[in-house]
């Protein structure tokens, strides 16, 4: 996925408080759904178990790398 703007002020937050930051995009759509609703839709209902597991694993990998573990 090419870089994209996640939030207008997100990039300024880490600079303002002196910490690194990252904005990750990962999916949570049901692979059987031919046209999943986006996150601003009233019909948005992600398959959260897989998305949550993937997100936590990705965050932990990033944290461990940052800490040198």
C-alpha atoms as a PDB file:
ATOM      1  CA  UNK A   1       0.000   0.000   0.000  1.00  0.00           C
ATOM      2  CA  UNK A   2       1.441   3.422  -0.854  1.00  0.00           C
ATOM      3  CA  UNK A   3       1.918   6.007   1.907  1.00  0.00           C
ATOM      4  CA  UNK A   4      -1.245   7.927   2.728  1.00  0.00           C
ATOM      5  CA  UNK A   5      -2.421  10.560   5.139  1.00  0.00           C
ATOM      6  CA  UNK A   6      -3.914   8.950   8.254  1.00  0.00           C
ATOM      7  CA  UNK A   7      -4.864  12.089  10.129  1.00  0.00           C
ATOM      8  CA  UNK A   8      -4.011  15.731   9.632  1.00  0.00           C
ATOM      9  CA  UNK A   9      -2.300  16.145  12.998  1.00  0.00           C
ATOM     10  CA  UNK A  10      -1.057  12.613  13.717  1.00  0.00           C
ATOM     11  CA  UNK A  11       2.466  13.322  12.464  1.00  0.00           C
ATOM     12  CA  UNK A  12       2.745  16.331  14.780  1.00  0.00           C
ATOM     13  CA  UNK A  13       1.757  14.431  17.928  1.00  0.00           C
ATOM     14  CA  UNK A  14       4.978  12.419  18.331  1.00  0.00           C
ATOM     15  CA  UNK A  15       7.102  15.477  17.578  1.00  0.00           C
ATOM     16  CA  UNK A  16       5.210  17.536  20.153  1.00  0.00           C
ATOM     17  CA  UNK A  17       5.798  15.062  22.976  1.00  0.00           C
ATOM     18  CA  UNK A  18       9.196  13.754  21.827  1.00  0.00           C
ATOM     19  CA  UNK A  19       8.283  10.157  21.022  1.00  0.00           C
ATOM     20  CA  UNK A  20       8.370   8.123  17.800  1.00  0.00           C
ATOM     21  CA  UNK A  21       5.043   7.260  16.195  1.00  0.00           C
ATOM     22  CA  UNK A  22       3.673   5.086  13.437  1.00  0.00           C
ATOM     23  CA  UNK A  23       0.262   4.797  11.778  1.00  0.00           C
ATOM     24  CA  UNK A  24      -0.496   1.260  10.595  1.00  0.00           C
ATOM     25  CA  UNK A  25      -3.313   0.210   8.327  1.00  0.00           C
ATOM     26  CA  UNK A  26      -4.421  -3.425   8.427  1.00  0.00           C
ATOM     27  CA  UNK A  27      -7.650  -5.061   7.406  1.00  0.00           C
ATOM     28  CA  UNK A  28     -10.388  -6.821   9.256  1.00  0.00           C
ATOM     29  CA  UNK A  29     -12.864  -7.638   6.502  1.00  0.00           C
ATOM     30  CA  UNK A  30     -14.444 -11.044   6.130  1.00  0.00           C
ATOM     31  CA  UNK A  31     -12.748 -12.619   3.088  1.00  0.00           C
ATOM     32  CA  UNK A  32     -16.152 -14.059   2.031  1.00  0.00           C
ATOM     33  CA  UNK A  33     -17.745 -10.574   1.861  1.00  0.00           C
ATOM     34  CA  UNK A  34     -17.567  -9.361  -1.772  1.00  0.00           C
ATOM     35  CA  UNK A  35     -17.976  -5.675  -0.826  1.00  0.00           C
ATOM     36  CA  UNK A  36     -17.045  -4.990   2.819  1.00  0.00           C
ATOM     37  CA  UNK A  37     -18.228  -1.681   4.273  1.00  0.00           C
ATOM     38  CA  UNK A  38     -15.620   0.947   5.136  1.00  0.00           C
ATOM     39  CA  UNK A  39     -15.005   2.113   8.686  1.00  0.00           C
ATOM     40  CA  UNK A  40     -17.192   5.223   8.290  1.00  0.00           C
ATOM     41  CA  UNK A  41     -20.211   3.195   7.205  1.00  0.00           C
ATOM     42  CA  UNK A  42     -23.074   2.275   9.562  1.00  0.00           C
ATOM     43  CA  UNK A  43     -22.664  -1.270   8.177  1.00  0.00           C
ATOM     44  CA  UNK A  44     -18.999  -1.559   9.193  1.00  0.00           C
ATOM     45  CA  UNK A  45     -18.536  -4.809  11.091  1.00  0.00           C
ATOM     46  CA  UNK A  46     -14.977  -6.118  10.920  1.00  0.00           C
ATOM     47  CA  UNK A  47     -13.985  -9.682  11.616  1.00  0.00           C
ATOM     48  CA  UNK A  48     -12.284  -8.430  14.763  1.00  0.00           C
ATOM     49  CA  UNK A  49     -10.712 -11.632  16.098  1.00  0.00           C
ATOM     50  CA  UNK A  50      -8.236 -11.976  13.231  1.00  0.00           C
ATOM     51  CA  UNK A  51      -7.688  -8.229  12.979  1.00  0.00           C
ATOM     52  CA  UNK A  52      -7.079  -7.857  16.707  1.00  0.00           C
ATOM     53  CA  UNK A  53      -4.659 -10.785  16.781  1.00  0.00           C
ATOM     54  CA  UNK A  54      -2.746  -9.444  13.761  1.00  0.00           C
ATOM     55  CA  UNK A  55      -2.662  -5.911  15.159  1.00  0.00           C
ATOM     56  CA  UNK A  56      -1.376  -6.977  18.565  1.00  0.00           C
ATOM     57  CA  UNK A  57       1.302  -9.206  16.997  1.00  0.00           C
ATOM     58  CA  UNK A  58       2.425  -6.389  14.692  1.00  0.00           C
ATOM     59  CA  UNK A  59       2.551  -3.887  17.558  1.00  0.00           C
ATOM     60  CA  UNK A  60       4.540  -6.263  19.749  1.00  0.00           C
ATOM     61  CA  UNK A  61       7.015  -6.939  16.940  1.00  0.00           C
ATOM     62  CA  UNK A  62       7.510  -3.191  16.439  1.00  0.00           C
ATOM     63  CA  UNK A  63       7.904  -2.552  20.160  1.00  0.00           C
ATOM     64  CA  UNK A  64      10.395  -5.403  20.562  1.00  0.00           C
ATOM     65  CA  UNK A  65      12.411  -4.153  17.600  1.00  0.00           C
ATOM     66  CA  UNK A  66      12.407  -0.595  18.956  1.00  0.00           C
ATOM     67  CA  UNK A  67      13.548  -1.793  22.381  1.00  0.00           C
ATOM     68  CA  UNK A  68      16.218  -4.024  20.882  1.00  0.00           C
ATOM     69  CA  UNK A  69      14.692  -7.271  22.196  1.00  0.00           C
END
